[in-house]
Protein backbone atom coordinates (compact mmCIF):
# COMPACT_ATOMS: atom_id res chain seq x y z
CA UNK A 1 -0.08 -0.08 -0.02
CA UNK A 2 1.30 3.46 -1.10
CA UNK A 3 1.32 6.57 1.12
CA UNK A 4 -1.37 9.09 0.48
CA UNK A 5 -0.72 12.12 -1.00
CA UNK A 6 -1.55 15.59 0.47
CA UNK A 7 -2.97 18.64 -1.56
CA UNK A 8 0.51 20.06 -1.21
CA UNK A 9 1.89 17.22 -2.83
CA UNK A 10 3.71 15.90 0.33
CA UNK A 11 3.23 12.05 1.11
CA UNK A 12 1.45 11.35 4.22
CA UNK A 13 3.22 8.59 6.13
CA UNK A 14 1.35 5.23 7.20
CA UNK A 15 0.24 4.82 10.72
CA UNK A 16 2.24 2.02 12.59
CA UNK A 17 0.88 -1.38 12.70
CA UNK A 18 -2.01 -1.38 15.37
CA UNK A 19 -0.97 -5.15 16.14
CA UNK A 20 2.60 -4.22 17.03
CA UNK A 21 1.41 -1.61 19.29
CA UNK A 22 -1.50 -3.82 21.02
CA UNK A 23 1.11 -6.50 21.66
CA UNK A 24 3.74 -3.98 23.32
CA UNK A 25 1.21 -2.07 25.25
CA UNK A 26 -0.30 -5.60 26.77
CA UNK A 27 3.38 -6.57 27.55
CA UNK A 28 3.92 -3.49 29.37
CA UNK A 29 0.75 -3.71 31.31
CA UNK A 30 1.38 -7.18 32.17
CA UNK A 31 4.77 -6.33 33.46
CA UNK A 32 3.53 -3.53 35.48
CA UNK A 33 0.92 -5.50 37.17
CA UNK A 34 3.33 -8.47 37.69
CA UNK A 35 5.60 -6.26 39.72
CA UNK A 36 3.02 -4.54 41.87
CA UNK A 37 3.66 -5.14 45.74
CA UNK A 38 0.10 -6.42 46.19
CA UNK A 39 -1.83 -9.39 44.51
CA UNK A 40 -3.87 -8.51 41.39
CA UNK A 41 -5.66 -10.98 39.80
CA UNK A 42 -8.47 -11.11 36.82
CA UNK A 43 -11.24 -13.48 36.67
CA UNK A 44 -14.02 -14.16 34.05
CA UNK A 45 -17.46 -15.29 35.46
CA UNK A 46 -18.55 -17.37 32.34
CA UNK A 47 -21.92 -18.04 33.87
CA UNK A 48 -23.36 -15.42 36.23
CA UNK A 49 -25.45 -18.06 37.90
CA UNK A 50 -22.81 -20.61 38.60
CA UNK A 51 -19.84 -20.20 40.95
CA UNK A 52 -17.97 -23.16 39.36
CA UNK A 53 -17.80 -21.56 36.05
CA UNK A 54 -15.20 -18.71 37.12
CA UNK A 55 -11.97 -19.04 35.53
CA UNK A 56 -8.39 -17.37 36.00
CA UNK A 57 -7.44 -14.84 33.29
CA UNK A 58 -4.30 -13.41 34.80
CA UNK A 59 -2.64 -13.60 38.17
CA UNK A 60 0.42 -11.42 39.02
CA UNK A 61 3.51 -12.78 40.74
CA UNK A 62 2.12 -12.11 44.40
CA UNK A 63 -0.85 -14.17 43.92
CA UNK A 64 0.69 -16.97 41.95
CA UNK A 65 3.21 -17.08 45.13
CA UNK A 66 0.24 -17.31 47.57
CA UNK A 67 -1.08 -19.91 45.66
CA UNK A 68 2.02 -21.85 45.30
CA UNK A 69 1.32 -22.15 41.60
CA UNK A 70 2.93 -21.29 38.08
CA UNK A 71 1.26 -19.46 35.28
CA UNK A 72 0.88 -22.66 33.28
CA UNK A 73 -0.98 -24.21 36.14
CA UNK A 74 -3.32 -21.58 36.37
CA UNK A 75 -4.20 -19.38 33.66
CA UNK A 76 -7.17 -20.10 31.34
CA UNK A 77 -8.29 -22.79 34.08
CA UNK A 78 -11.42 -22.55 36.34
CA UNK A 79 -10.92 -22.37 39.90
CA UNK A 80 -12.65 -25.60 40.51
CA UNK A 81 -9.93 -27.34 38.48
CA UNK A 82 -6.87 -25.71 40.18
CA UNK A 83 -8.17 -25.03 43.77
CA UNK A 84 -11.32 -27.24 44.32
CA UNK A 85 -10.68 -26.68 48.23
CA UNK A 86 -11.73 -23.05 47.98
CA UNK A 87 -15.28 -24.25 47.52
CA UNK A 88 -15.08 -26.13 50.93
CA UNK A 89 -13.49 -23.37 52.84
CA UNK A 90 -15.62 -20.47 54.43
CA UNK A 91 -13.34 -17.79 53.36
CA UNK A 92 -12.60 -19.09 49.81
CA UNK A 93 -16.22 -19.57 48.95
CA UNK A 94 -17.29 -16.25 50.51
CA UNK A 95 -14.59 -14.82 47.99
CA UNK A 96 -15.71 -16.81 45.16
CA UNK A 97 -19.29 -15.64 45.63
CA UNK A 98 -18.25 -12.07 45.66
CA UNK A 99 -16.73 -12.50 42.13
CA UNK A 100 -20.29 -13.62 40.86
CA UNK A 101 -21.86 -10.92 42.45
CA UNK A 102 -19.57 -7.92 41.49
CA UNK A 103 -19.72 -9.55 37.79
CA UNK A 104 -23.31 -9.65 37.75
CA UNK A 105 -24.05 -6.26 39.66
CA UNK A 106 -21.06 -3.99 38.90
CA UNK A 107 -19.25 -1.70 41.49
CA UNK A 108 -16.65 -2.96 44.16
CA UNK A 109 -17.04 -4.96 47.57
CA UNK A 110 -14.17 -4.58 49.91
CA UNK A 111 -14.18 -8.00 52.12
CA UNK A 112 -11.91 -6.70 54.74
CA UNK A 113 -9.82 -9.42 56.18
CA UNK A 114 -10.44 -13.10 55.09
CA UNK A 115 -8.98 -16.19 56.80
CA UNK A 116 -8.01 -19.03 54.14
CA UNK A 117 -5.76 -21.83 54.49
CA UNK A 118 -5.19 -25.35 52.32
CA UNK A 119 -2.59 -28.07 52.50
CA UNK A 120 0.20 -25.58 51.32
CA UNK A 121 -0.58 -22.13 52.89
CA UNK A 122 -2.75 -20.50 55.65
CA UNK A 123 -3.01 -16.88 56.49
CA UNK A 124 -4.98 -13.73 56.87
CA UNK A 125 -5.63 -11.30 53.64
CA UNK A 126 -7.12 -7.94 52.97
CA UNK A 127 -9.26 -8.43 49.92
CA UNK A 128 -11.34 -6.19 47.44
CA UNK A 129 -13.19 -7.28 44.60
CA UNK A 130 -13.81 -4.81 41.61
CA UNK A 131 -15.90 -4.84 38.38
CA UNK A 132 -14.11 -4.38 34.97
CA UNK A 133 -16.82 -5.28 32.17
CA UNK A 134 -19.50 -7.62 31.53
CA UNK A 135 -18.35 -11.02 33.07
CA UNK A 136 -14.96 -9.79 34.21
CA UNK A 137 -13.88 -8.64 37.63
CA UNK A 138 -10.27 -8.36 39.34
CA UNK A 139 -9.44 -8.79 42.95
CA UNK A 140 -6.75 -6.96 45.10
CA UNK A 141 -5.10 -9.14 47.78
CA UNK A 142 -2.56 -8.48 50.46
CA UNK A 143 -1.26 -10.98 53.03
CA UNK A 144 -1.50 -9.24 56.43
CA UNK A 145 -0.83 -12.37 58.50
CA UNK A 146 2.43 -11.29 59.97
CA UNK A 147 0.48 -7.75 60.76
CA UNK A 148 -2.37 -9.39 62.43
CA UNK A 149 -0.27 -11.73 64.40
CA UNK A 150 1.87 -8.76 65.55
CA UNK A 151 -1.06 -6.57 66.39
CA UNK A 152 -2.35 -9.34 68.60
CA UNK A 153 0.84 -10.06 70.14
CA UNK A 154 1.02 -6.11 71.06
CA UNK A 155 -2.30 -6.21 72.55
CA UNK A 156 -1.58 -9.08 74.83
CA UNK A 157 1.68 -7.41 75.92
CA UNK A 158 -0.30 -4.26 76.51
CA UNK A 159 -2.78 -6.48 78.74
CA UNK A 160 0.11 -7.87 80.59
CA UNK A 161 1.91 -4.74 81.04
CA UNK A 162 -1.37 -3.03 82.41
CA UNK A 163 -1.72 -5.88 84.88
CA UNK A 164 1.89 -5.44 85.88
CA UNK A 165 1.57 -1.78 86.35
CA UNK A 166 -1.40 -2.44 88.49
CA UNK A 167 0.29 -5.07 90.61
CA UNK A 168 3.57 -3.05 90.94
CA UNK A 169 1.81 -0.01 92.07
CA UNK A 170 -0.19 -2.00 94.74
CA UNK A 171 3.12 -3.73 96.01
CA UNK A 172 4.96 -0.30 96.24
CA UNK A 173 2.20 1.43 97.77
CA UNK A 174 1.60 -0.80 100.64
CA UNK A 175 5.29 -0.59 101.97
CA UNK A 176 5.11 3.26 101.75
CA UNK A 177 1.65 3.16 103.48
CA UNK A 178 3.43 0.99 106.31
CA UNK A 179 6.40 3.54 106.47
CA UNK A 180 4.02 6.66 106.51
CA UNK A 181 1.84 4.91 109.31
CA UNK A 182 4.90 4.35 111.57
CA UNK A 183 6.12 8.04 111.08
CA UNK A 184 2.60 8.98 112.09
CA UNK A 185 2.91 6.99 115.44
CA UNK A 186 6.23 7.98 116.35
CA UNK A 187 5.41 11.66 115.61
CA UNK A 188 2.03 11.40 117.52
CA UNK A 189 3.43 9.36 120.85
CA UNK A 190 7.12 10.13 121.15
CA UNK A 191 7.28 13.74 119.66
CA UNK A 192 8.44 15.15 123.07
CA UNK A 193 11.09 12.74 123.63
CA UNK A 194 12.74 13.41 120.11
CA UNK A 195 15.74 15.67 119.60
CA UNK A 196 15.70 18.15 117.03
CA UNK A 197 17.89 15.89 114.88
CA UNK A 198 15.65 12.93 115.05
CA UNK A 199 12.55 15.19 114.16
CA UNK A 200 14.19 16.47 111.06
CA UNK A 201 15.04 12.77 109.81
CA UNK A 202 11.58 11.86 110.63
CA UNK A 203 10.40 14.60 108.54
CA UNK A 204 12.79 13.69 105.57
CA UNK A 205 11.23 10.28 105.50
CA UNK A 206 7.64 11.49 105.71
CA UNK A 207 8.42 13.83 102.44
CA UNK A 208 10.22 11.18 100.66
CA UNK A 209 7.45 8.66 101.05
CA UNK A 210 4.89 11.20 100.11
CA UNK A 211 6.93 11.97 96.79
CA UNK A 212 7.33 8.18 96.15
CA UNK A 213 3.59 7.74 96.45
CA UNK A 214 2.79 10.57 94.12
CA UNK A 215 5.36 9.10 91.54
CA UNK A 216 3.55 5.61 91.83
CA UNK A 217 0.20 6.98 91.27
CA UNK A 218 1.36 9.19 88.54
CA UNK A 219 3.04 6.17 86.75
CA UNK A 220 -0.16 4.38 87.05
CA UNK A 221 -2.21 7.05 85.79
CA UNK A 222 0.08 7.40 83.05
CA UNK A 223 -0.13 3.89 82.00
CA UNK A 224 -4.08 3.88 81.91
CA UNK A 225 -4.37 6.81 79.47
CA UNK A 226 -6.02 5.47 76.49
CA UNK A 227 -5.57 2.03 77.53
CA UNK A 228 -9.21 0.95 77.64
CA UNK A 229 -11.13 0.74 74.71
CA UNK A 230 -14.14 3.33 74.77
CA UNK A 231 -15.82 5.72 72.48
CA UNK A 232 -15.29 9.59 72.15
CA UNK A 233 -18.13 11.75 73.20
CA UNK A 234 -19.13 15.32 72.65
CA UNK A 235 -17.38 17.43 75.25
CA UNK A 236 -18.21 21.15 76.16
CA UNK A 237 -14.60 22.16 77.12
CA UNK A 238 -15.66 25.59 78.39
CA UNK A 239 -17.88 23.94 80.93
CA UNK A 240 -15.15 21.55 81.46
CA UNK A 241 -12.52 24.40 82.28
CA UNK A 242 -15.25 25.98 84.53
CA UNK A 243 -15.44 22.51 86.50
CA UNK A 244 -11.65 22.52 86.68
CA UNK A 245 -11.41 25.98 88.02
CA UNK A 246 -14.05 25.04 90.74
CA UNK A 247 -11.96 21.66 91.47
CA UNK A 248 -8.73 23.72 91.86
CA UNK A 249 -10.45 26.49 93.92
CA UNK A 250 -8.31 25.86 97.07
CA UNK A 251 -5.14 26.03 95.07
CA UNK A 252 -6.49 29.32 93.13
CA UNK A 253 -7.19 31.07 96.39
CA UNK A 254 -4.03 29.98 98.05
CA UNK A 255 -2.16 31.66 95.36
CA UNK A 256 -4.42 34.37 94.28
CA UNK A 257 -4.48 33.00 90.90
CA UNK A 258 -6.51 34.93 88.13
CA UNK A 259 -7.86 32.60 85.27
CA UNK A 260 -9.44 34.01 82.26
CA UNK A 261 -11.51 31.81 79.77
CA UNK A 262 -12.30 32.68 76.47
CA UNK A 263 -14.75 30.85 74.24
CA UNK A 264 -14.13 27.23 74.02
CA UNK A 265 -15.65 24.68 71.51
CA UNK A 266 -17.68 21.59 71.73
CA UNK A 267 -15.25 18.91 70.87
CA UNK A 268 -15.46 14.98 70.17
CA UNK A 269 -12.88 13.31 72.72
CA UNK A 270 -12.08 11.33 75.44
CA UNK A 271 -13.71 13.49 78.36
CA UNK A 272 -11.47 12.01 81.37
CA UNK A 273 -8.16 12.42 79.23
CA UNK A 274 -9.05 15.82 77.94
CA UNK A 275 -10.02 16.92 81.74
CA UNK A 276 -6.61 15.64 82.84
CA UNK A 277 -4.75 17.41 79.93
CA UNK A 278 -6.09 20.97 81.12
CA UNK A 279 -6.01 20.36 84.48
CA UNK A 280 -2.25 19.45 84.46
CA UNK A 281 -1.53 22.50 82.20
CA UNK A 282 -3.31 24.77 84.57
CA UNK A 283 -1.84 23.25 87.70
CA UNK A 284 1.64 23.74 86.03
CA UNK A 285 0.85 27.27 85.34
CA UNK A 286 -0.09 27.97 88.75
CA UNK A 287 2.60 26.23 90.37
CA UNK A 288 5.52 27.20 88.40
CA UNK A 289 4.87 30.95 89.18
CA UNK A 290 7.40 33.73 89.89
CA UNK A 291 7.93 34.51 93.53
CA UNK A 292 6.11 37.72 94.40
CA UNK A 293 4.10 37.69 91.13
CA UNK A 294 0.41 36.73 91.20
CA UNK A 295 -0.27 34.04 88.49
CA UNK A 296 -2.37 35.10 85.71
CA UNK A 297 -3.64 32.50 83.26
CA UNK A 298 -5.57 32.76 80.00
CA UNK A 299 -7.31 30.08 78.35
CA UNK A 300 -8.71 30.15 74.59
CA UNK A 301 -8.99 28.59 71.51
CA UNK A 302 -8.65 29.32 67.53
CA UNK A 303 -8.91 27.66 64.45
CA UNK A 304 -5.61 26.40 63.15
CA UNK A 305 -5.60 23.02 61.37
CA UNK A 306 -8.63 22.16 63.33
CA UNK A 307 -8.71 23.69 66.77
CA UNK A 308 -5.76 24.97 68.72
CA UNK A 309 -6.07 25.38 72.60
CA UNK A 310 -4.00 28.07 74.00
CA UNK A 311 -2.91 28.19 77.83
CA UNK A 312 -0.94 31.29 78.43
CA UNK A 313 0.70 32.13 81.97
CA UNK A 314 3.06 34.90 83.16
CA UNK A 315 5.16 32.30 85.34
CA UNK A 316 9.13 31.53 85.35
CA UNK A 317 9.02 30.43 81.57
CA UNK A 318 11.07 27.68 79.92
CA UNK A 319 14.48 28.27 78.22
CA UNK A 320 14.43 27.47 74.29
CA UNK A 321 17.12 24.53 74.80
CA UNK A 322 14.58 22.69 77.11
CA UNK A 323 10.95 23.48 75.34
CA UNK A 324 10.99 20.02 73.50
CA UNK A 325 12.44 17.90 76.38
CA UNK A 326 9.69 19.08 79.05
CA UNK A 327 7.37 16.69 77.35
CA UNK A 328 9.55 13.67 78.39
CA UNK A 329 8.86 11.40 81.23
CA UNK A 330 10.87 12.43 84.54
CA UNK A 331 12.14 15.63 82.99
CA UNK A 332 12.72 18.13 85.82
CA UNK A 333 14.13 21.52 85.00
CA UNK A 334 14.14 22.51 88.83
CA UNK A 335 14.85 20.79 92.21
CA UNK A 336 12.32 19.28 94.70
CA UNK A 337 13.20 22.19 96.85
CA UNK A 338 12.12 24.80 94.35
CA UNK A 339 9.18 23.29 92.77
CA UNK A 340 7.24 19.85 94.00
CA UNK A 341 6.25 17.47 91.40
CA UNK A 342 7.51 14.05 89.80
CA UNK A 343 8.44 15.28 86.20
CA UNK A 344 5.47 13.50 84.70
CA UNK A 345 2.79 15.91 84.36
CA UNK A 346 3.66 17.17 80.77
CA UNK A 347 4.63 13.68 79.42
CA UNK A 348 0.71 12.91 80.50
CA UNK A 349 -0.35 15.84 78.43
CA UNK A 350 1.68 14.77 75.37
CA UNK A 351 0.40 11.23 75.53
CA UNK A 352 -3.36 12.67 75.68
CA UNK A 353 -2.75 15.05 72.78
CA UNK A 354 -1.33 12.19 70.77
CA UNK A 355 -4.19 9.98 71.78
CA UNK A 356 -6.30 12.42 70.01
CA UNK A 357 -4.15 12.53 66.89
CA UNK A 358 -2.97 16.06 68.02
CA UNK A 359 0.43 17.78 68.71
CA UNK A 360 1.30 19.75 71.67
CA UNK A 361 4.26 22.44 71.87
CA UNK A 362 5.33 25.45 73.98
CA UNK A 363 6.79 28.72 73.41
CA UNK A 364 8.08 30.63 76.30
CA UNK A 365 10.50 33.32 77.51
CA UNK A 366 12.43 32.71 81.09
CA UNK A 367 10.93 35.25 83.34
CA UNK A 368 8.10 36.42 81.24
CA UNK A 369 5.80 33.13 81.09
CA UNK A 370 4.78 30.20 78.83
CA UNK A 371 2.40 29.41 76.27
CA UNK A 372 1.30 25.84 75.74
CA UNK A 373 -0.42 24.90 72.47
CA UNK A 374 -2.67 21.66 71.96
CA UNK A 375 -3.62 21.38 68.25
CA UNK A 376 -6.33 18.79 67.35
CA UNK A 377 -7.17 17.64 64.08
CA UNK A 378 -10.77 18.50 62.42
CA UNK A 379 -11.85 14.97 62.47
CA UNK A 380 -12.27 14.95 66.57
CA UNK A 381 -14.68 17.93 66.34
CA UNK A 382 -18.35 18.51 65.68
């Protein structure tokens, strides 16, 4: 066949062979699907009313490996010929019936996790089935056996850790209570016979046991944050802040603290944990005040990549080099003689914010005060 001639006299080149292009494109497409990290398989449902009519059209390397089969053993053959045990297995039959349903009705069906086993393989798979055209569907498959086993193992470890924490907490508190009890008995019954040095030593013991009891309690609280499966609820944070202010009324009166609350949003979250978060931040702002300066605290919220709560104080402040490390467990910037505490409070706060998929950070100038920010993403809000 000769080239056509344009009005200008120039020949129009012939288009390349369609068959060559189609063959090349098919090879490229096959290679692309073959190298995917997830399993992809194409099936033909020859009879929309017969599960046994379904045959393999294409399986990529991942699925062939899961089947422990070669292409020659699978391609073009019916499932009933290659893997008849699938029709006797609950998971296998569920997937096969889904092929027929999607081929007949269209759309996609996500089967979630499917358990499957035969004489060669056993595992848990993420599986979804998708419509291609009349009588044809494709399946996407991912082996998550190891992930599920790891998840179950972690859940069991967490349960064991929670039980261990409770046991250790109880076992530590009991001897501390015994020591405190003896100190009280000695103080009440033998005070007049004790010299100044002994009285001072007993005072040290009493304070040490009180601090240790507080550490044990704080560790137990920390281990319980987010530990129980529970649903988020709608929380009125403005009302919550008012209740926290009432709960801390003694501390507020003693320090003459001023707390100003702005308009705060209604949020969806874990109420107990959120209460602990804001109570810890306000207590810190009251506790770490400058000598001779009345604590002033302002609590507000603004729209910023979701909602950001802002707790601003006029306390002692935090040097820039410590503004990240203050959220670590047992991180203290001051001696116990200067400020009481266990160094766990801000670690609590970080864990609670992260439980809500948020972020917490602080901006501060030593001698002027600190501003704590707690940002929560939109998905937890009404």
